[in-house]
Protein backbone atom coordinates (compact mmCIF):
# COMPACT_ATOMS: atom_id res chain seq x y z
CA VAL A 1 -37.71 120.69 -58.44
CA GLN A 2 -39.11 118.93 -61.50
CA LEU A 3 -41.71 116.18 -61.33
CA GLN A 4 -42.38 113.58 -64.00
CA ALA A 5 -45.49 111.46 -63.59
CA SER A 6 -46.09 108.24 -65.49
CA GLY A 7 -48.00 104.97 -65.38
CA GLY A 8 -51.51 105.98 -66.33
CA GLY A 9 -53.61 104.04 -68.78
CA LEU A 10 -56.86 102.27 -69.49
CA VAL A 11 -57.96 99.50 -67.15
CA GLN A 12 -61.17 97.62 -66.44
CA ALA A 13 -63.04 98.08 -63.20
CA GLY A 14 -61.47 95.97 -60.48
CA GLY A 15 -58.04 96.21 -62.06
CA SER A 16 -54.83 97.83 -60.86
CA LEU A 17 -52.36 100.46 -61.96
CA ARG A 18 -49.23 101.89 -60.43
CA LEU A 19 -48.36 105.51 -60.98
CA SER A 20 -44.83 106.82 -60.57
CA CYS A 21 -43.57 110.32 -59.92
CA ALA A 22 -39.86 110.94 -60.36
CA ALA A 23 -38.48 114.07 -58.72
CA SER A 24 -35.31 115.81 -59.77
CA GLY A 25 -33.50 118.91 -58.59
CA ARG A 26 -33.37 120.03 -54.96
CA THR A 27 -35.36 117.14 -53.56
CA PHE A 28 -33.68 117.40 -50.17
CA ARG A 29 -35.89 120.41 -49.52
CA LEU A 30 -39.13 118.50 -49.94
CA TYR A 31 -41.47 117.78 -47.04
CA TYR A 32 -44.54 116.14 -48.58
CA MET A 33 -45.17 114.46 -51.89
CA GLY A 34 -48.79 114.17 -52.91
CA TRP A 35 -51.13 112.84 -55.54
CA PHE A 36 -54.20 114.73 -56.67
CA ARG A 37 -56.70 113.97 -59.39
CA GLN A 38 -59.08 115.91 -61.56
CA ALA A 39 -62.05 114.37 -63.32
CA PRO A 40 -63.78 116.14 -66.23
CA GLY A 41 -65.89 119.02 -64.98
CA LYS A 42 -64.70 118.64 -61.40
CA GLU A 43 -62.18 120.35 -59.19
CA ARG A 44 -58.80 118.86 -58.50
CA GLU A 45 -58.94 116.79 -55.32
CA PHE A 46 -56.54 115.27 -52.86
CA VAL A 47 -55.81 111.55 -53.19
CA ALA A 48 -52.80 110.71 -51.05
CA ALA A 49 -49.63 112.17 -49.54
CA ILE A 50 -46.42 110.93 -47.97
CA ARG A 51 -43.78 112.64 -45.89
CA TRP A 52 -40.50 112.59 -47.76
CA SER A 53 -38.62 111.94 -44.54
CA GLY A 54 -40.16 109.41 -42.21
CA GLY A 55 -42.72 108.06 -44.63
CA SER A 56 -45.99 108.84 -42.86
CA THR A 57 -48.85 108.41 -45.31
CA TYR A 58 -52.29 109.93 -45.70
CA CYS A 59 -55.13 108.94 -48.00
CA ALA A 60 -58.48 110.41 -48.91
CA ASP A 61 -61.44 108.46 -47.57
CA SER A 62 -62.58 107.70 -51.13
CA VAL A 63 -59.45 105.66 -51.85
CA LYS A 64 -58.55 104.35 -48.41
CA GLY A 65 -58.01 100.61 -48.47
CA ARG A 66 -57.60 100.59 -52.26
CA PHE A 67 -54.74 102.99 -52.96
CA THR A 68 -51.30 102.97 -51.35
CA ILE A 69 -48.67 105.68 -51.58
CA SER A 70 -45.01 104.83 -51.09
CA ARG A 71 -41.62 106.25 -51.88
CA ASP A 72 -38.13 105.18 -52.86
CA ASN A 73 -35.80 107.88 -51.59
CA ALA A 74 -32.82 106.39 -53.41
CA LYS A 75 -34.66 106.86 -56.70
CA ASN A 76 -36.38 110.11 -55.68
CA THR A 77 -39.61 108.50 -56.76
CA VAL A 78 -43.07 108.30 -55.24
CA TYR A 79 -45.58 105.64 -56.24
CA LEU A 80 -49.34 105.35 -56.10
CA GLN A 81 -50.49 101.76 -56.20
CA MET A 82 -54.14 101.72 -57.19
CA ASN A 83 -56.12 98.51 -56.69
CA SER A 84 -59.80 97.67 -57.07
CA LEU A 85 -60.21 100.57 -59.45
CA LYS A 86 -63.67 101.96 -60.08
CA PRO A 87 -65.04 104.00 -62.99
CA GLU A 88 -65.26 106.99 -60.63
CA ASP A 89 -61.47 106.88 -60.26
CA THR A 90 -61.20 108.04 -63.87
CA ALA A 91 -59.27 111.31 -63.88
CA VAL A 92 -56.00 112.97 -64.69
CA TYR A 93 -53.66 112.24 -61.81
CA TYR A 94 -51.07 114.81 -60.78
CA CYS A 95 -48.13 114.46 -58.47
CA ALA A 96 -47.01 117.42 -56.42
CA ALA A 97 -44.27 118.39 -54.00
CA ASP A 98 -44.44 120.59 -50.93
CA ARG A 99 -41.41 122.23 -49.32
CA GLY A 100 -43.01 122.88 -45.96
CA ASP A 101 -44.99 121.23 -43.22
CA THR A 102 -48.34 122.58 -44.32
CA ASP A 103 -51.79 121.13 -44.95
CA TYR A 104 -50.85 118.18 -47.17
CA PHE A 105 -54.46 117.76 -48.39
CA LYS A 106 -54.69 121.29 -49.84
CA LEU A 107 -53.69 122.16 -53.40
CA ALA A 108 -52.34 125.52 -52.29
CA ALA A 109 -49.81 123.85 -50.00
CA TYR A 110 -47.85 122.40 -52.91
CA ASP A 111 -45.04 124.25 -54.61
CA TYR A 112 -44.31 122.01 -57.58
CA TRP A 113 -46.57 120.03 -59.92
CA GLY A 114 -46.03 117.33 -62.48
CA GLN A 115 -47.71 117.26 -65.88
CA GLY A 116 -50.46 114.74 -65.05
CA THR A 117 -51.16 111.25 -66.29
CA GLN A 118 -54.55 109.99 -67.49
CA VAL A 119 -56.23 107.08 -65.71
CA THR A 120 -59.35 105.67 -67.33
CA VAL A 121 -61.36 102.91 -65.68
CA SER A 122 -63.96 101.21 -67.84
CA SER A 123 -67.03 99.53 -66.39
């Protein structure tokens, strides 16, 4: 499975961005798709996840109510709609794919990773 993330950029605080993650290859084997982020000097952290089949979604408390994860199975693409962005949301955002029903909020659960896309929120 290959993942291609896109949609990052520079936005002012309070603005919005939508990230996309296109999956190719054996996507029928996927269980969760997730977004993680890593700010300079910090560890990579969980942002949101979605079950590939069924569509149940999960978000970190820090983004709940502002970020929404969704998917388009026909396009093999997962989206992260980010609204009301804050400077502390600045990070490189990574999409990831998990083949099994494991802890969706843990980095180690994911088998495939995209290349990351930079999101910068100015104050």
